[in-house]
Amino acid sequence: MVAANRDKKMPLQAGVSSGGYAFMESIRPDNTDPIPLRTSPHSMGTLMIRFVGLLIAAVAVMALIWSR
């Protein structure tokens, strides 16, 4: 369907000067339902626990390096 309609020229709106024809057609989906969003693989709590854990590990490593 798209390939057959791709080469059709459609008149432009008034005031647009490019020969009077548009070379692109607006394609609308058959289904107007919204696209469902993907769920996040991790919750915010899990991300915060990982961040705090890595922060503590980095501080411990830096403290060990500094104390030598």
C-alpha atoms as a PDB file:
ATOM      1  CA  MET A   1       0.000   0.000   0.000  1.00  0.00           C
ATOM      2  CA  VAL A   2       2.785   2.438   0.862  1.00  0.00           C
ATOM      3  CA  ALA A   3       4.807   1.715  -2.272  1.00  0.00           C
ATOM      4  CA  ALA A   4       1.785   2.220  -4.507  1.00  0.00           C
ATOM      5  CA  ASN A   5       0.940   5.591  -2.930  1.00  0.00           C
ATOM      6  CA  ARG A   6       4.527   6.830  -2.628  1.00  0.00           C
ATOM      7  CA  ASP A   7       4.770   8.381  -6.084  1.00  0.00           C
ATOM      8  CA  LYS A   8       1.433  10.192  -6.017  1.00  0.00           C
ATOM      9  CA  LYS A   9       1.651  13.964  -6.049  1.00  0.00           C
ATOM     10  CA  MET A  10      -0.766  15.762  -3.757  1.00  0.00           C
ATOM     11  CA  PRO A  11      -1.642  19.469  -3.953  1.00  0.00           C
ATOM     12  CA  LEU A  12      -0.117  21.594  -1.201  1.00  0.00           C
ATOM     13  CA  GLN A  13      -1.957  24.048   0.978  1.00  0.00           C
ATOM     14  CA  ALA A  14      -2.447  27.597  -0.229  1.00  0.00           C
ATOM     15  CA  GLY A  15       0.570  29.838   0.148  1.00  0.00           C
ATOM     16  CA  VAL A  16       3.210  27.153  -0.373  1.00  0.00           C
ATOM     17  CA  SER A  17       5.146  27.668  -3.573  1.00  0.00           C
ATOM     18  CA  SER A  18       7.028  24.635  -4.812  1.00  0.00           C
ATOM     19  CA  GLY A  19       5.236  23.930  -8.030  1.00  0.00           C
ATOM     20  CA  GLY A  20       1.959  23.282  -6.224  1.00  0.00           C
ATOM     21  CA  TYR A  21       2.614  19.625  -5.459  1.00  0.00           C
ATOM     22  CA  ALA A  22       3.941  17.737  -2.456  1.00  0.00           C
ATOM     23  CA  PHE A  23       6.074  14.676  -3.006  1.00  0.00           C
ATOM     24  CA  MET A  24       5.303  13.084   0.369  1.00  0.00           C
ATOM     25  CA  GLU A  25       2.010  11.712   1.574  1.00  0.00           C
ATOM     26  CA  SER A  26       0.867  11.660   5.167  1.00  0.00           C
ATOM     27  CA  ILE A  27       0.451   8.047   6.220  1.00  0.00           C
ATOM     28  CA  ARG A  28      -1.850   7.290   9.118  1.00  0.00           C
ATOM     29  CA  PRO A  29      -2.069   3.965  10.932  1.00  0.00           C
ATOM     30  CA  ASP A  30      -5.172   1.822  10.638  1.00  0.00           C
ATOM     31  CA  ASN A  31      -5.200   1.449  14.417  1.00  0.00           C
ATOM     32  CA  THR A  32      -5.310   4.630  16.512  1.00  0.00           C
ATOM     33  CA  ASP A  33      -4.569   2.903  19.843  1.00  0.00           C
ATOM     34  CA  PRO A  34      -1.510   4.361  21.597  1.00  0.00           C
ATOM     35  CA  ILE A  35       1.716   2.385  21.452  1.00  0.00           C
ATOM     36  CA  PRO A  36       2.252   0.721  24.848  1.00  0.00           C
ATOM     37  CA  LEU A  37       5.417   1.760  26.654  1.00  0.00           C
ATOM     38  CA  ARG A  38       7.903  -0.877  27.704  1.00  0.00           C
ATOM     39  CA  THR A  39       8.155  -1.422  31.427  1.00  0.00           C
ATOM     40  CA  SER A  40      11.417  -0.512  33.087  1.00  0.00           C
ATOM     41  CA  PRO A  41      13.554  -3.587  33.800  1.00  0.00           C
ATOM     42  CA  HIS A  42      14.527  -2.274  37.259  1.00  0.00           C
ATOM     43  CA  SER A  43      12.624  -0.269  39.795  1.00  0.00           C
ATOM     44  CA  MET A  44      13.969   2.941  41.269  1.00  0.00           C
ATOM     45  CA  GLY A  45      14.696   1.229  44.601  1.00  0.00           C
ATOM     46  CA  THR A  46      16.935  -1.354  42.944  1.00  0.00           C
ATOM     47  CA  LEU A  47      18.836   1.357  41.098  1.00  0.00           C
ATOM     48  CA  MET A  48      19.338   3.374  44.302  1.00  0.00           C
ATOM     49  CA  ILE A  49      20.616   0.307  46.196  1.00  0.00           C
ATOM     50  CA  ARG A  50      23.107  -0.405  43.417  1.00  0.00           C
ATOM     51  CA  PHE A  51      24.230   3.226  43.295  1.00  0.00           C
ATOM     52  CA  VAL A  52      24.741   3.458  47.054  1.00  0.00           C
ATOM     53  CA  GLY A  53      26.528   0.083  47.113  1.00  0.00           C
ATOM     54  CA  LEU A  54      28.915   1.114  44.349  1.00  0.00           C
ATOM     55  CA  LEU A  55      29.473   4.478  46.033  1.00  0.00           C
ATOM     56  CA  ILE A  56      30.396   2.792  49.322  1.00  0.00           C
ATOM     57  CA  ALA A  57      32.709   0.356  47.502  1.00  0.00           C
ATOM     58  CA  ALA A  58      34.435   3.219  45.657  1.00  0.00           C
ATOM     59  CA  VAL A  59      34.894   5.209  48.890  1.00  0.00           C
ATOM     60  CA  ALA A  60      36.335   2.116  50.612  1.00  0.00           C
ATOM     61  CA  VAL A  61      38.799   1.529  47.759  1.00  0.00           C
ATOM     62  CA  MET A  62      39.843   5.194  47.761  1.00  0.00           C
ATOM     63  CA  ALA A  63      40.293   5.120  51.570  1.00  0.00           C
ATOM     64  CA  LEU A  64      42.497   2.002  51.306  1.00  0.00           C
ATOM     65  CA  ILE A  65      44.592   3.617  48.542  1.00  0.00           C
ATOM     66  CA  TRP A  66      44.936   6.867  50.532  1.00  0.00           C
ATOM     67  CA  SER A  67      45.954   5.118  53.779  1.00  0.00           C
ATOM     68  CA  ARG A  68      48.989   3.432  52.241  1.00  0.00           C
END
